[in-house]
N, C-alpha and C. Protein backbone atom coordinates (compact mmCIF):
# COMPACT_ATOMS: atom_id res chain seq x y z
N MET A 1 19.23 12.95 -56.27
CA MET A 1 19.95 11.72 -55.08
C MET A 1 18.86 11.60 -54.38
N THR A 2 18.81 10.31 -54.74
CA THR A 2 18.21 9.30 -53.27
C THR A 2 18.62 8.85 -52.38
N THR A 3 18.09 8.48 -51.07
CA THR A 3 18.67 8.50 -49.87
C THR A 3 18.26 6.73 -50.28
N LYS A 4 19.26 6.15 -49.66
CA LYS A 4 18.52 4.62 -48.92
C LYS A 4 18.22 5.18 -47.57
N ASN A 5 16.78 4.03 -47.58
CA ASN A 5 15.72 4.19 -46.47
C ASN A 5 16.27 2.63 -45.89
N THR A 6 16.89 2.99 -44.41
CA THR A 6 17.67 1.78 -44.42
C THR A 6 16.80 1.34 -42.55
N LYS A 7 16.26 0.44 -42.79
CA LYS A 7 15.55 -0.17 -41.62
C LYS A 7 16.15 -1.21 -40.31
N PRO A 8 16.19 -0.06 -38.84
CA PRO A 8 17.13 -0.93 -38.29
C PRO A 8 16.41 -2.20 -38.24
N SER A 9 17.84 -3.84 -37.86
CA SER A 9 16.45 -4.97 -37.85
C SER A 9 16.48 -5.10 -36.75
N SER A 10 15.53 -6.36 -36.69
CA SER A 10 14.64 -6.60 -35.71
C SER A 10 15.30 -6.47 -34.49
N LEU A 11 16.56 -7.20 -34.29
CA LEU A 11 17.36 -7.34 -33.58
C LEU A 11 17.35 -6.17 -32.78
N ALA A 12 17.69 -5.34 -33.45
CA ALA A 12 18.21 -3.62 -33.17
C ALA A 12 17.26 -3.42 -32.38
N GLN A 13 16.51 -3.14 -33.05
CA GLN A 13 14.99 -3.15 -32.23
C GLN A 13 14.40 -3.64 -30.46
N GLU A 14 15.36 -4.56 -30.34
CA GLU A 14 14.66 -5.56 -29.25
C GLU A 14 15.39 -4.59 -27.80
N THR A 15 14.49 -4.39 -26.99
CA THR A 15 15.03 -4.05 -25.70
C THR A 15 16.05 -5.43 -25.27
N ALA A 16 17.00 -4.82 -24.74
CA ALA A 16 17.85 -5.86 -23.22
C ALA A 16 17.29 -6.68 -22.47
N LEU A 17 16.56 -6.48 -22.13
CA LEU A 17 15.02 -7.57 -21.37
C LEU A 17 14.82 -8.52 -22.34
N GLU A 18 14.12 -8.10 -23.43
CA GLU A 18 13.70 -9.21 -24.76
C GLU A 18 14.38 -9.79 -24.69
N THR A 19 15.65 -9.14 -24.83
CA THR A 19 17.24 -10.49 -25.72
C THR A 19 17.35 -11.29 -24.44
N THR A 20 17.71 -10.61 -23.17
CA THR A 20 17.98 -11.67 -22.30
C THR A 20 17.19 -12.92 -22.28
N VAL A 21 15.46 -12.55 -22.17
CA VAL A 21 14.64 -13.42 -22.09
C VAL A 21 14.18 -14.45 -22.93
N ARG A 22 15.00 -13.96 -24.21
CA ARG A 22 14.95 -15.34 -25.37
C ARG A 22 16.44 -16.26 -25.21
N LEU A 23 17.17 -15.30 -24.91
CA LEU A 23 18.65 -16.26 -24.55
C LEU A 23 18.25 -17.10 -24.05
N ALA A 24 17.64 -17.00 -22.29
CA ALA A 24 17.42 -17.31 -21.62
C ALA A 24 16.69 -19.00 -22.15
N ALA A 25 15.67 -18.58 -22.68
CA ALA A 25 14.63 -19.80 -22.98
C ALA A 25 15.24 -20.58 -24.29
N ILE A 26 16.19 -20.21 -24.77
CA ILE A 26 17.36 -20.81 -25.72
C ILE A 26 17.80 -21.62 -24.94
N LYS A 27 18.65 -21.21 -23.85
CA LYS A 27 19.36 -21.74 -23.23
C LYS A 27 18.96 -23.14 -22.60
N GLN A 28 17.47 -22.50 -21.82
CA GLN A 28 17.03 -23.78 -21.06
C GLN A 28 16.58 -24.92 -22.31
N ILE A 29 16.37 -24.45 -23.52
CA ILE A 29 15.64 -25.86 -24.74
C ILE A 29 17.10 -26.61 -24.89
N ALA A 30 18.14 -26.29 -24.79
CA ALA A 30 19.24 -26.40 -24.96
C ALA A 30 19.49 -27.48 -23.96
N ARG A 31 19.22 -27.13 -22.74
CA ARG A 31 19.78 -27.93 -21.88
C ARG A 31 18.31 -29.49 -21.37
N ASP A 32 17.40 -28.70 -21.63
CA ASP A 32 15.69 -29.87 -21.51
C ASP A 32 16.30 -31.08 -22.62
N GLU A 33 16.24 -29.92 -23.74
CA GLU A 33 16.05 -31.05 -24.65
C GLU A 33 17.38 -31.81 -25.23
N LEU A 34 18.47 -31.13 -25.45
CA LEU A 34 19.14 -31.81 -26.24
C LEU A 34 20.63 -31.85 -24.72
N GLY A 35 20.39 -31.93 -23.70
CA GLY A 35 21.43 -32.13 -23.03
C GLY A 35 22.46 -31.74 -22.42
N LEU A 36 22.53 -29.91 -23.53
CA LEU A 36 24.20 -29.32 -23.60
C LEU A 36 23.94 -28.37 -22.18
N GLU A 37 25.06 -29.00 -21.54
CA GLU A 37 25.29 -27.72 -20.33
C GLU A 37 25.15 -26.53 -20.62
N THR A 38 26.05 -26.48 -21.81
CA THR A 38 26.28 -24.46 -21.93
C THR A 38 26.13 -24.76 -23.37
N LEU A 39 25.96 -23.41 -23.94
CA LEU A 39 26.03 -22.93 -25.42
C LEU A 39 26.99 -21.86 -25.51
N ASP A 40 28.15 -21.85 -24.38
CA ASP A 40 29.16 -21.04 -24.93
C ASP A 40 30.02 -21.74 -25.28
N ALA A 41 30.94 -21.31 -26.29
CA ALA A 41 32.27 -22.09 -26.77
C ALA A 41 32.93 -22.44 -25.67
N ARG A 42 33.34 -23.27 -25.70
CA ARG A 42 34.82 -23.85 -24.35
C ARG A 42 36.26 -24.30 -25.02
N ASN A 43 35.58 -23.91 -26.23
CA ASN A 43 37.56 -24.59 -26.86
C ASN A 43 38.06 -25.70 -27.08
N SER A 44 37.13 -26.37 -27.04
CA SER A 44 37.64 -28.05 -26.95
C SER A 44 36.54 -28.93 -27.29
N ASP A 45 37.22 -29.92 -28.22
CA ASP A 45 36.25 -30.92 -29.39
C ASP A 45 35.66 -31.59 -28.07
N GLN A 46 36.08 -31.61 -27.21
CA GLN A 46 35.37 -32.63 -26.60
C GLN A 46 34.04 -32.11 -25.50
N LEU A 47 34.14 -30.77 -25.92
CA LEU A 47 32.90 -29.93 -24.49
C LEU A 47 32.25 -29.31 -25.61
N ASP A 48 32.80 -28.80 -26.59
CA ASP A 48 32.16 -27.81 -27.88
C ASP A 48 31.47 -28.59 -29.39
N PHE A 49 31.38 -30.08 -29.04
CA PHE A 49 31.00 -30.85 -30.37
C PHE A 49 29.89 -32.34 -29.67
N HIS A 50 29.21 -32.42 -30.19
CA HIS A 50 27.95 -33.43 -29.64
C HIS A 50 27.11 -33.97 -30.23
N GLU A 51 27.12 -35.21 -30.55
CA GLU A 51 26.19 -36.37 -31.41
C GLU A 51 24.94 -36.19 -30.89
N LEU A 52 23.75 -35.90 -31.49
CA LEU A 52 22.69 -35.78 -31.20
C LEU A 52 21.71 -36.16 -32.25
N ALA A 53 20.67 -36.97 -32.16
CA ALA A 53 19.90 -37.42 -32.74
C ALA A 53 18.58 -36.50 -33.53
N VAL A 54 18.35 -37.35 -34.91
CA VAL A 54 17.47 -35.73 -35.27
C VAL A 54 16.54 -35.65 -34.68
N TRP A 55 15.88 -36.47 -33.80
CA TRP A 55 14.55 -36.57 -33.18
C TRP A 55 15.09 -35.35 -31.88
N GLN A 56 15.96 -35.57 -31.89
CA GLN A 56 16.50 -34.28 -30.27
C GLN A 56 16.06 -33.11 -30.94
N ILE A 57 17.28 -32.87 -32.09
CA ILE A 57 16.90 -31.44 -32.68
C ILE A 57 15.56 -31.15 -33.17
N LYS A 58 15.16 -31.92 -33.86
CA LYS A 58 13.74 -31.55 -33.83
C LYS A 58 12.36 -31.30 -33.32
N LYS A 59 12.64 -32.07 -31.66
CA LYS A 59 12.02 -31.52 -30.83
C LYS A 59 12.79 -29.70 -30.42
N ALA A 60 14.11 -29.56 -30.38
CA ALA A 60 14.37 -28.37 -29.59
C ALA A 60 13.77 -27.05 -30.39
N LEU A 61 14.00 -27.67 -31.97
CA LEU A 61 13.15 -26.59 -32.40
C LEU A 61 11.84 -26.50 -33.07
N LEU A 62 11.41 -27.28 -32.11
CA LEU A 62 9.77 -27.31 -32.28
C LEU A 62 9.39 -26.41 -31.26
N LYS A 63 9.94 -26.81 -29.81
CA LYS A 63 9.84 -25.91 -28.82
C LYS A 63 10.50 -24.77 -28.96
N ALA A 64 11.52 -24.18 -29.61
CA ALA A 64 11.69 -22.92 -29.67
C ALA A 64 10.74 -22.14 -30.42
N TYR A 65 10.49 -22.48 -31.56
CA TYR A 65 9.36 -22.09 -32.27
C TYR A 65 7.72 -21.86 -31.93
N GLU A 66 7.70 -23.00 -30.95
CA GLU A 66 6.50 -22.77 -29.98
C GLU A 66 6.20 -21.14 -28.85
N ALA A 67 7.82 -21.44 -28.68
CA ALA A 67 7.91 -20.53 -27.62
C ALA A 67 7.97 -19.37 -27.89
N GLY A 68 8.64 -18.68 -29.09
CA GLY A 68 8.22 -17.64 -30.44
C GLY A 68 7.04 -17.65 -30.37
N LEU A 69 5.95 -18.27 -30.74
CA LEU A 69 4.49 -18.39 -31.03
C LEU A 69 3.93 -17.53 -29.61
N ALA A 70 4.30 -18.09 -28.93
CA ALA A 70 3.45 -17.47 -27.61
C ALA A 70 4.07 -16.06 -27.08
N ARG A 71 5.28 -16.03 -27.70
CA ARG A 71 5.27 -14.51 -26.90
C ARG A 71 5.17 -13.48 -28.06
N ARG A 72 4.08 -13.91 -28.87
CA ARG A 72 3.53 -12.68 -29.97
C ARG A 72 2.39 -12.21 -29.05
């Protein structure tokens, strides 16, 4: 009989503080680069759907990637 060696996901291994810091960084990037007031669903098409240019999305993703590299 073999037992499956399950490894906890990296998210499960993070402390609450690390998760809070990462979410704060993501929210800041969303505000600064995408002009989004919040990332919370507000159950309204006018508030939850946004038209964004691809260069805005690219810039936001690069900022998030750089923030992740900086935390290593």
